[in-house]
Structures are given as structure tokens and as C-alpha cells.
N, C-alpha and C. Protein backbone atom coordinates (compact mmCIF):
# COMPACT_ATOMS: atom_id res chain seq x y z
N UNK A 1 126.44 109.06 92.57
CA UNK A 1 125.85 108.37 93.74
C UNK A 1 126.52 108.90 95.00
N UNK A 2 125.68 109.16 95.97
CA UNK A 2 126.13 109.63 97.31
C UNK A 2 127.01 108.67 97.97
N UNK A 3 128.22 108.98 98.26
CA UNK A 3 129.02 108.08 99.08
C UNK A 3 128.96 108.41 100.50
N UNK A 4 129.26 107.45 101.32
CA UNK A 4 129.16 107.72 102.78
C UNK A 4 129.97 108.94 103.11
N UNK A 5 129.39 109.78 103.97
CA UNK A 5 130.06 111.02 104.45
C UNK A 5 129.50 112.20 103.75
N UNK A 6 128.90 112.01 102.50
CA UNK A 6 128.30 113.21 101.86
C UNK A 6 126.88 113.25 102.22
N UNK A 7 126.32 114.43 102.28
CA UNK A 7 124.95 114.56 102.78
C UNK A 7 124.01 114.46 101.56
N UNK A 8 122.86 114.03 101.87
CA UNK A 8 121.77 113.84 100.87
C UNK A 8 121.39 115.23 100.44
N UNK A 9 121.16 115.46 99.12
CA UNK A 9 120.74 116.75 98.60
C UNK A 9 119.19 116.71 98.32
N UNK A 10 118.57 117.79 98.79
CA UNK A 10 117.12 117.90 98.61
C UNK A 10 116.59 117.91 97.18
N UNK A 11 117.44 118.65 96.38
CA UNK A 11 117.06 118.50 94.90
C UNK A 11 117.16 117.24 94.29
N UNK A 12 118.15 116.38 94.73
CA UNK A 12 118.31 115.09 94.26
C UNK A 12 117.10 114.27 94.71
N UNK A 13 116.61 114.32 95.85
CA UNK A 13 115.41 113.67 96.41
C UNK A 13 114.16 114.16 95.61
N UNK A 14 114.10 115.41 95.33
CA UNK A 14 112.90 115.93 94.59
C UNK A 14 112.94 115.19 93.12
N UNK A 15 114.13 115.15 92.59
CA UNK A 15 114.23 114.56 91.24
C UNK A 15 113.75 113.04 91.28
N UNK A 16 114.31 112.34 92.40
CA UNK A 16 114.00 110.97 92.61
C UNK A 16 112.46 110.83 92.66
N UNK A 17 111.77 111.69 93.34
CA UNK A 17 110.35 111.60 93.61
C UNK A 17 109.64 111.79 92.27
N UNK A 18 110.13 112.71 91.42
CA UNK A 18 109.49 112.92 90.08
C UNK A 18 109.73 111.73 89.18
N UNK A 19 110.97 111.19 89.07
CA UNK A 19 111.32 110.11 88.18
C UNK A 19 110.51 108.86 88.65
N UNK A 20 110.48 108.67 89.98
CA UNK A 20 109.76 107.43 90.48
C UNK A 20 108.28 107.59 90.10
N UNK A 21 107.74 108.70 90.35
CA UNK A 21 106.22 108.90 90.08
C UNK A 21 106.00 108.67 88.62
N UNK A 22 106.80 109.20 87.66
CA UNK A 22 106.60 109.05 86.24
C UNK A 22 106.80 107.49 85.83
N UNK A 23 107.78 106.81 86.34
CA UNK A 23 108.01 105.41 86.16
C UNK A 23 106.80 104.56 86.68
N UNK A 24 106.28 104.93 87.74
CA UNK A 24 105.09 104.14 88.41
C UNK A 24 103.87 104.28 87.47
N UNK A 25 103.62 105.52 86.91
CA UNK A 25 102.50 105.73 85.91
C UNK A 25 102.57 104.72 84.73
N UNK A 26 103.83 104.71 84.26
CA UNK A 26 103.98 103.87 82.99
C UNK A 26 103.74 102.34 83.39
N UNK A 27 104.39 101.88 84.50
CA UNK A 27 104.29 100.51 84.77
C UNK A 27 102.84 100.14 85.31
N UNK A 28 102.22 101.01 86.00
CA UNK A 28 100.95 100.73 86.52
C UNK A 28 99.85 100.74 85.48
N UNK A 29 100.10 101.30 84.41
CA UNK A 29 99.09 101.44 83.24
C UNK A 29 99.05 99.93 82.60
N UNK A 30 100.14 99.19 82.72
CA UNK A 30 100.17 97.82 82.13
C UNK A 30 100.08 96.77 83.15
N UNK A 31 99.88 97.13 84.44
CA UNK A 31 99.85 96.09 85.52
C UNK A 31 98.71 95.08 85.33
N UNK A 32 97.54 95.48 85.13
CA UNK A 32 96.39 94.61 85.01
C UNK A 32 96.52 93.59 83.96
N UNK A 33 96.79 94.04 82.68
CA UNK A 33 96.99 93.04 81.60
C UNK A 33 98.15 92.13 81.79
N UNK A 34 99.22 92.60 82.47
CA UNK A 34 100.42 91.82 82.69
C UNK A 34 100.23 90.82 83.76
N UNK A 35 99.67 91.19 84.98
CA UNK A 35 99.52 90.35 86.14
C UNK A 35 98.13 89.74 86.41
N UNK A 36 97.02 90.29 85.69
CA UNK A 36 95.73 89.75 85.90
C UNK A 36 94.94 90.31 86.98
N UNK A 37 95.53 91.25 87.72
CA UNK A 37 94.86 91.90 88.86
C UNK A 37 95.32 93.39 88.86
N UNK A 38 94.52 94.28 89.46
CA UNK A 38 94.81 95.64 89.53
C UNK A 38 96.00 95.88 90.45
N UNK A 39 96.74 96.98 90.18
CA UNK A 39 97.86 97.36 91.03
C UNK A 39 97.30 97.84 92.34
N UNK A 40 98.13 97.81 93.36
CA UNK A 40 97.93 98.39 94.68
C UNK A 40 97.99 99.96 94.55
N UNK A 41 97.94 100.63 95.66
CA UNK A 41 98.10 102.09 95.66
C UNK A 41 99.63 102.39 95.73
N UNK A 42 100.15 102.65 94.61
CA UNK A 42 101.54 103.02 94.49
C UNK A 42 101.72 104.53 94.39
N UNK A 43 102.41 105.04 95.25
CA UNK A 43 102.52 106.52 95.28
C UNK A 43 103.73 106.99 96.07
N UNK A 44 104.29 108.10 95.54
CA UNK A 44 105.37 108.91 96.19
C UNK A 44 104.57 110.16 96.67
N UNK A 45 104.55 110.43 97.94
CA UNK A 45 103.80 111.62 98.46
C UNK A 45 104.79 112.59 98.90
N UNK A 46 104.68 113.83 98.24
CA UNK A 46 105.63 114.91 98.66
C UNK A 46 105.28 115.43 100.11
N UNK A 47 106.24 116.11 100.66
CA UNK A 47 105.97 116.63 102.01
C UNK A 47 104.97 117.74 102.00
N UNK A 48 104.19 117.81 103.13
CA UNK A 48 103.18 118.83 103.29
C UNK A 48 103.55 119.60 104.51
N UNK A 49 102.72 120.68 104.80
CA UNK A 49 102.93 121.31 106.11
C UNK A 49 102.77 120.37 107.31
N UNK A 50 101.81 119.47 107.24
CA UNK A 50 101.56 118.48 108.29
C UNK A 50 102.75 117.57 108.37
N UNK A 51 103.25 117.02 107.26
CA UNK A 51 104.35 116.09 107.39
C UNK A 51 105.60 116.80 107.92
N UNK A 52 105.78 118.11 107.52
CA UNK A 52 107.01 118.86 108.03
C UNK A 52 106.82 118.98 109.54
N UNK A 53 105.71 119.25 109.99
CA UNK A 53 105.52 119.34 111.51
C UNK A 53 105.84 118.01 112.22
N UNK A 54 105.51 116.89 111.52
CA UNK A 54 105.76 115.59 112.09
C UNK A 54 107.30 115.30 112.03
N UNK A 55 107.97 115.80 110.94
CA UNK A 55 109.42 115.82 110.86
C UNK A 55 110.05 116.58 112.01
N UNK A 56 109.50 117.70 112.29
CA UNK A 56 110.13 118.52 113.44
C UNK A 56 109.91 117.75 114.69
N UNK A 57 108.72 117.14 114.96
CA UNK A 57 108.44 116.38 116.13
C UNK A 57 109.39 115.20 116.19
N UNK A 58 109.69 114.57 115.16
CA UNK A 58 110.63 113.35 115.14
C UNK A 58 112.03 113.87 115.52
N UNK A 59 112.47 114.99 115.02
CA UNK A 59 113.77 115.51 115.34
C UNK A 59 113.83 115.84 116.82
N UNK A 60 112.74 116.35 117.35
CA UNK A 60 112.70 116.68 118.83
C UNK A 60 112.65 115.46 119.61
N UNK A 61 112.06 114.29 119.13
CA UNK A 61 112.08 113.07 119.83
C UNK A 61 113.31 112.38 119.96
N UNK A 62 114.10 112.28 118.99
CA UNK A 62 115.37 111.62 118.92
C UNK A 62 116.29 112.14 117.97
N UNK A 63 117.59 112.08 118.11
CA UNK A 63 118.52 112.61 117.11
C UNK A 63 118.41 111.63 115.90
N UNK A 64 118.07 112.12 114.82
CA UNK A 64 117.99 111.34 113.57
C UNK A 64 119.09 111.80 112.59
N UNK A 65 119.54 110.85 111.70
CA UNK A 65 120.62 111.25 110.80
C UNK A 65 120.07 112.39 109.87
N UNK A 66 120.93 113.22 109.50
CA UNK A 66 120.56 114.38 108.75
C UNK A 66 119.92 113.98 107.35
N UNK A 67 120.46 112.91 106.79
CA UNK A 67 119.83 112.41 105.48
C UNK A 67 118.39 112.10 105.67
N UNK A 68 117.97 111.53 106.73
CA UNK A 68 116.61 111.25 106.92
C UNK A 68 115.78 112.47 107.11
N UNK A 69 116.24 113.53 107.79
CA UNK A 69 115.67 114.80 107.88
C UNK A 69 115.44 115.32 106.54
N UNK A 70 116.57 115.37 105.71
CA UNK A 70 116.42 115.90 104.27
C UNK A 70 115.41 115.10 103.51
N UNK A 71 115.35 113.86 103.57
CA UNK A 71 114.37 113.03 102.98
C UNK A 71 112.99 113.51 103.26
N UNK A 72 112.73 113.68 104.56
CA UNK A 72 111.36 114.00 105.10
C UNK A 72 110.98 115.54 104.78
N UNK A 73 112.03 116.36 104.52
CA UNK A 73 111.62 117.65 104.13
C UNK A 73 111.13 117.80 102.76
N UNK A 74 111.38 116.78 101.94
CA UNK A 74 110.97 116.69 100.58
C UNK A 74 109.77 115.73 100.37
N UNK A 75 109.86 114.56 100.91
CA UNK A 75 108.95 113.43 100.72
C UNK A 75 108.24 113.15 101.97
N UNK A 76 106.89 113.13 101.93
CA UNK A 76 106.18 112.68 103.12
C UNK A 76 106.25 111.24 103.40
N UNK A 77 106.10 110.41 102.33
CA UNK A 77 106.21 108.98 102.43
C UNK A 77 106.06 108.35 101.07
N UNK A 78 106.32 107.07 100.97
CA UNK A 78 106.19 106.37 99.66
C UNK A 78 105.68 104.96 99.85
N UNK A 79 104.69 104.62 99.13
CA UNK A 79 104.08 103.28 99.07
C UNK A 79 104.30 102.66 97.76
N UNK A 80 105.08 101.61 97.63
CA UNK A 80 105.40 101.00 96.39
C UNK A 80 105.06 99.49 96.44
N UNK A 81 103.85 99.03 96.69
CA UNK A 81 103.60 97.66 96.91
C UNK A 81 103.77 96.78 95.68
N UNK A 82 103.82 97.35 94.56
CA UNK A 82 104.01 96.60 93.37
C UNK A 82 105.33 96.72 92.65
N UNK A 83 106.22 97.30 93.43
CA UNK A 83 107.60 97.34 92.94
C UNK A 83 108.37 96.13 93.63
N UNK A 84 108.80 95.29 92.83
CA UNK A 84 109.37 94.02 93.17
C UNK A 84 108.39 93.31 94.22
N UNK A 85 108.90 93.10 95.58
CA UNK A 85 108.08 92.51 96.52
C UNK A 85 107.42 93.54 97.52
N UNK A 86 107.56 94.82 97.02
CA UNK A 86 107.04 95.97 97.82
C UNK A 86 108.09 96.71 98.68
N UNK A 87 107.86 98.04 98.66
CA UNK A 87 108.73 98.93 99.45
C UNK A 87 107.91 99.97 100.04
N UNK A 88 108.10 100.31 101.28
CA UNK A 88 107.26 101.30 101.98
C UNK A 88 108.24 102.28 102.75
N UNK A 89 108.34 103.56 102.39
CA UNK A 89 109.03 104.48 103.24
C UNK A 89 107.98 105.13 104.04
N UNK A 90 108.25 104.95 105.31
CA UNK A 90 107.23 105.35 106.31
C UNK A 90 107.28 106.87 106.43
N UNK A 91 106.04 107.41 106.88
CA UNK A 91 106.09 108.86 107.14
C UNK A 91 106.76 109.20 108.45
N UNK A 92 107.11 110.51 108.67
CA UNK A 92 107.83 110.81 109.83
C UNK A 92 107.00 110.53 111.09
N UNK A 93 105.67 110.78 111.03
CA UNK A 93 104.75 110.37 112.13
C UNK A 93 104.71 108.96 112.53
N UNK A 94 104.78 108.07 111.46
CA UNK A 94 104.82 106.63 111.65
C UNK A 94 106.20 106.23 112.39
N UNK A 95 107.21 106.82 111.89
CA UNK A 95 108.57 106.61 112.38
C UNK A 95 108.70 106.94 113.86
N UNK A 96 108.08 108.17 114.24
CA UNK A 96 108.03 108.57 115.57
C UNK A 96 107.16 107.68 116.45
N UNK A 97 106.01 107.16 115.93
CA UNK A 97 105.20 106.23 116.67
C UNK A 97 105.93 104.93 116.94
N UNK A 98 106.63 104.42 115.89
CA UNK A 98 107.42 103.29 115.96
C UNK A 98 108.54 103.37 117.03
N UNK A 99 109.14 104.51 116.95
CA UNK A 99 110.28 104.74 117.87
C UNK A 99 109.80 104.73 119.29
N UNK A 100 108.59 105.43 119.54
CA UNK A 100 108.06 105.41 120.90
C UNK A 100 107.68 103.98 121.31
N UNK A 101 107.14 103.14 120.42
CA UNK A 101 106.72 101.85 120.74
C UNK A 101 107.92 100.78 120.89
N UNK A 102 108.83 100.91 120.00
CA UNK A 102 109.94 99.89 119.95
C UNK A 102 111.37 100.50 120.20
N UNK A 103 111.51 101.75 120.23
CA UNK A 103 112.88 102.31 120.38
C UNK A 103 113.70 102.18 119.11
N UNK A 104 115.04 102.51 119.22
CA UNK A 104 116.00 102.29 118.15
C UNK A 104 116.24 100.81 118.01
N UNK A 105 116.82 100.51 116.82
CA UNK A 105 117.35 99.16 116.70
C UNK A 105 118.85 99.15 116.70
N UNK A 106 119.36 98.02 117.13
CA UNK A 106 120.89 97.81 117.30
C UNK A 106 121.35 97.34 115.90
N UNK A 107 122.41 98.10 115.39
CA UNK A 107 123.16 97.61 114.19
C UNK A 107 124.60 97.61 114.57
N UNK A 108 125.42 97.05 113.68
CA UNK A 108 126.85 96.90 114.03
C UNK A 108 127.52 98.33 114.36
N UNK A 109 127.22 99.24 113.72
CA UNK A 109 127.99 100.56 113.85
C UNK A 109 127.28 101.61 114.58
N UNK A 110 126.10 101.25 115.19
CA UNK A 110 125.36 102.28 115.91
C UNK A 110 124.25 101.65 116.71
N UNK A 111 124.19 101.91 118.00
CA UNK A 111 123.11 101.31 118.81
C UNK A 111 121.75 102.01 118.70
N UNK A 112 121.74 102.97 117.90
CA UNK A 112 120.45 103.76 117.86
C UNK A 112 120.01 104.10 116.41
N UNK A 113 120.02 103.09 115.61
CA UNK A 113 119.56 103.25 114.23
C UNK A 113 117.95 103.38 114.22
N UNK A 114 117.42 104.22 113.32
CA UNK A 114 116.07 104.59 113.18
C UNK A 114 115.38 103.84 112.11
N UNK A 115 114.35 103.07 112.40
CA UNK A 115 113.70 102.35 111.34
C UNK A 115 112.74 103.34 110.55
N UNK A 116 112.93 103.44 109.25
CA UNK A 116 112.19 104.33 108.51
C UNK A 116 111.46 103.79 107.20
N UNK A 117 111.64 102.49 107.03
CA UNK A 117 111.05 101.83 105.89
C UNK A 117 110.88 100.30 106.07
N UNK A 118 110.13 99.75 105.21
CA UNK A 118 109.96 98.24 105.31
C UNK A 118 109.62 97.72 103.91
N UNK A 119 109.68 96.37 103.74
CA UNK A 119 109.32 95.84 102.47
C UNK A 119 108.08 94.91 102.66
N UNK A 120 107.71 94.39 101.57
CA UNK A 120 106.43 93.65 101.52
C UNK A 120 106.56 92.30 102.33
N UNK A 121 107.77 91.91 102.67
CA UNK A 121 108.02 90.73 103.54
C UNK A 121 108.12 91.00 105.05
N UNK A 122 107.86 92.27 105.38
CA UNK A 122 108.03 92.65 106.78
C UNK A 122 109.45 93.01 107.21
N UNK A 123 110.39 92.97 106.37
CA UNK A 123 111.77 93.42 106.71
C UNK A 123 111.84 94.81 106.88
N UNK A 124 112.57 95.23 107.86
CA UNK A 124 112.68 96.63 108.17
C UNK A 124 113.99 97.23 107.60
N UNK A 125 113.94 98.53 107.44
CA UNK A 125 115.18 99.30 106.97
C UNK A 125 115.38 100.41 107.98
N UNK A 126 116.60 100.50 108.55
CA UNK A 126 116.94 101.46 109.47
C UNK A 126 118.08 102.25 108.99
N UNK A 127 118.17 103.54 109.34
CA UNK A 127 119.32 104.32 109.01
C UNK A 127 120.07 104.55 110.28
N UNK A 128 121.45 104.45 110.27
CA UNK A 128 122.21 104.58 111.50
C UNK A 128 122.90 105.91 111.37
N UNK A 129 123.56 106.39 112.47
CA UNK A 129 124.28 107.63 112.59
C UNK A 129 125.36 107.78 111.44
N UNK A 130 125.86 106.64 110.99
CA UNK A 130 127.00 106.72 109.93
C UNK A 130 126.27 106.97 108.57
N UNK A 131 125.00 106.91 108.51
CA UNK A 131 124.31 107.14 107.19
C UNK A 131 123.87 105.88 106.47
N UNK A 132 124.56 104.82 106.99
CA UNK A 132 124.23 103.50 106.29
C UNK A 132 122.76 103.13 106.52
N UNK A 133 122.32 102.34 105.51
CA UNK A 133 120.93 101.82 105.62
C UNK A 133 121.07 100.29 105.87
N UNK A 134 120.32 99.82 106.91
CA UNK A 134 120.49 98.43 107.28
C UNK A 134 119.06 97.73 107.03
N UNK A 135 119.16 96.56 106.76
CA UNK A 135 117.93 95.67 106.53
C UNK A 135 117.93 94.61 107.57
N UNK A 136 116.69 94.35 108.14
CA UNK A 136 116.58 93.22 109.15
C UNK A 136 116.69 91.95 108.40
N UNK A 137 117.27 91.03 108.98
CA UNK A 137 117.52 89.67 108.35
C UNK A 137 116.11 88.89 108.42
N UNK A 138 115.37 89.11 109.56
CA UNK A 138 114.10 88.64 109.68
C UNK A 138 113.10 89.76 109.82
N UNK A 139 111.82 89.37 109.86
CA UNK A 139 110.80 90.49 110.01
C UNK A 139 110.66 90.75 111.49
N UNK A 140 111.64 91.42 112.04
CA UNK A 140 111.68 91.63 113.47
C UNK A 140 112.43 92.89 113.82
N UNK A 141 111.92 93.57 114.86
CA UNK A 141 112.67 94.79 115.45
C UNK A 141 113.86 94.34 116.20
N UNK A 142 113.88 93.12 116.64
CA UNK A 142 114.91 92.66 117.62
C UNK A 142 115.94 91.79 117.13
N UNK A 143 115.88 91.52 115.78
CA UNK A 143 116.81 90.45 115.22
C UNK A 143 118.02 91.19 114.68
N UNK A 144 118.84 90.55 113.93
CA UNK A 144 120.02 91.06 113.32
C UNK A 144 119.76 91.85 112.07
N UNK A 145 120.63 92.83 111.76
CA UNK A 145 120.52 93.61 110.65
C UNK A 145 121.85 93.55 109.82
N UNK A 146 121.62 93.68 108.51
CA UNK A 146 122.78 93.75 107.52
C UNK A 146 122.75 94.96 106.71
N UNK A 147 123.90 95.34 106.18
CA UNK A 147 123.98 96.58 105.41
C UNK A 147 123.16 96.36 104.18
N UNK A 148 122.23 97.32 103.87
CA UNK A 148 121.54 97.23 102.56
C UNK A 148 121.95 98.30 101.62
N UNK A 149 122.49 99.37 102.02
CA UNK A 149 123.00 100.42 101.27
C UNK A 149 124.01 101.33 102.02
N UNK A 150 124.94 101.99 101.44
CA UNK A 150 125.89 102.84 102.13
C UNK A 150 125.28 104.12 102.56
N UNK A 151 124.10 104.46 101.95
CA UNK A 151 123.56 105.84 102.27
C UNK A 151 122.04 105.78 102.01
N UNK A 152 121.32 106.78 102.48
CA UNK A 152 119.81 106.87 102.17
C UNK A 152 119.64 107.03 100.62
N UNK A 153 120.59 107.77 99.94
CA UNK A 153 120.57 107.88 98.53
C UNK A 153 120.71 106.54 97.78
N UNK A 154 121.65 105.75 98.30
CA UNK A 154 121.79 104.50 97.72
C UNK A 154 120.68 103.58 97.86
N UNK A 155 120.00 103.64 98.99
CA UNK A 155 118.79 102.91 99.24
C UNK A 155 117.69 103.41 98.21
N UNK A 156 117.47 104.71 98.08
CA UNK A 156 116.49 105.23 97.14
C UNK A 156 116.87 104.84 95.71
N UNK A 157 118.11 104.74 95.37
CA UNK A 157 118.51 104.32 93.96
C UNK A 157 118.08 102.85 93.85
N UNK A 158 118.14 102.03 94.84
CA UNK A 158 117.83 100.65 94.76
C UNK A 158 116.28 100.40 94.63
N UNK A 159 115.46 101.35 95.16
CA UNK A 159 114.02 101.00 95.18
C UNK A 159 113.29 101.92 94.19
N UNK A 160 113.95 102.82 93.52
CA UNK A 160 113.34 103.93 92.71
C UNK A 160 113.11 103.57 91.28
N UNK A 161 113.18 104.38 90.39
CA UNK A 161 112.65 104.35 89.05
C UNK A 161 113.21 103.18 88.26
N UNK A 162 114.45 102.77 88.51
CA UNK A 162 115.02 101.61 87.85
C UNK A 162 114.22 100.32 88.15
N UNK A 163 113.67 100.16 89.40
CA UNK A 163 112.94 99.02 89.74
C UNK A 163 111.52 99.01 89.30
N UNK A 164 110.99 100.22 88.88
CA UNK A 164 109.63 100.40 88.39
C UNK A 164 109.37 100.09 87.05
N UNK A 165 110.43 99.65 86.36
CA UNK A 165 110.35 99.45 84.86
C UNK A 165 110.06 97.93 84.62
């Protein structure tokens, strides 16, 4: 597990994407018989030339934690509406749009944390300069945030393949 202070490794992210995609295929094949309705669009989308340009634009817009940059060099976005109550890792272009509209969010250890994900309940996930991932207590950009994971890798471990089973 990535501990605070260590940088996220792009090969680890690539492996996470592959494992999560494989786990989603297995779970989604049994979703209809298990739940009585078809699954949503669950997908991990790898980075493309277009998403890489959006990552560059985001980096130029605001200083973002290096782990978030690494994440976006490998993965364009993830939509996991049927994993627990839903998780969504926003695209770099969406993060930039939200930053322009709402700015950074205030968390305990950094006044400029960047929102990069959300859950099915509207809670937001932001990564701070320390690398910690914070979750909004309410579905609001302007409320309090609490620590959700010590790193982006820790956050991905929480929402990835083990949750898709």
C-alpha cells in the first residue's frame, strides 16, 4: 500500500484499472438476476490523447498533487454506479470545469484541495497537497471534509476490485 509521502506509480494504476475492469465484468454478468434490474454503465476508461490534453490543461490551471497527475496519465475516468452506492472518478476536463466553477475546497491540512471524484450520494472526494483524500461530510462543496484515505492509491484500493465482488 502506498503510504503518505510515496508517489503513486503509473504501473500500479494500470494494474488497478485492469483488475477493476475484470472484476466489473464478472459482477455485472450476474447483476440482473441478483438485483432484478440491469446494471448501469460501469467502466474504467483509460487515458486517451484527448484526456491527456485535458490533464495538461488542468495542470496549467492549478497546481495539482502529483498523484492526481499520475492517475490521469493512466486513467481518463471511472464510472462505477453499481459498486456499493456508486463511485465516480471524474475526468480531468470535468475536474477543471468544477475548479473554474467552485474553486478548491478547504480541508484541514490544505486550503486548496482539488475535487476529483464523487459517490452516488453526492459526497465529494478531494485530494490535498499532502496527498490525502478527503470526503465531504455532506453533499456540498462548501461543507466540512474528513479524511477518507491517506493517499490516492489508498482511495483506489477502497473503491476497486475488492468492492466489485
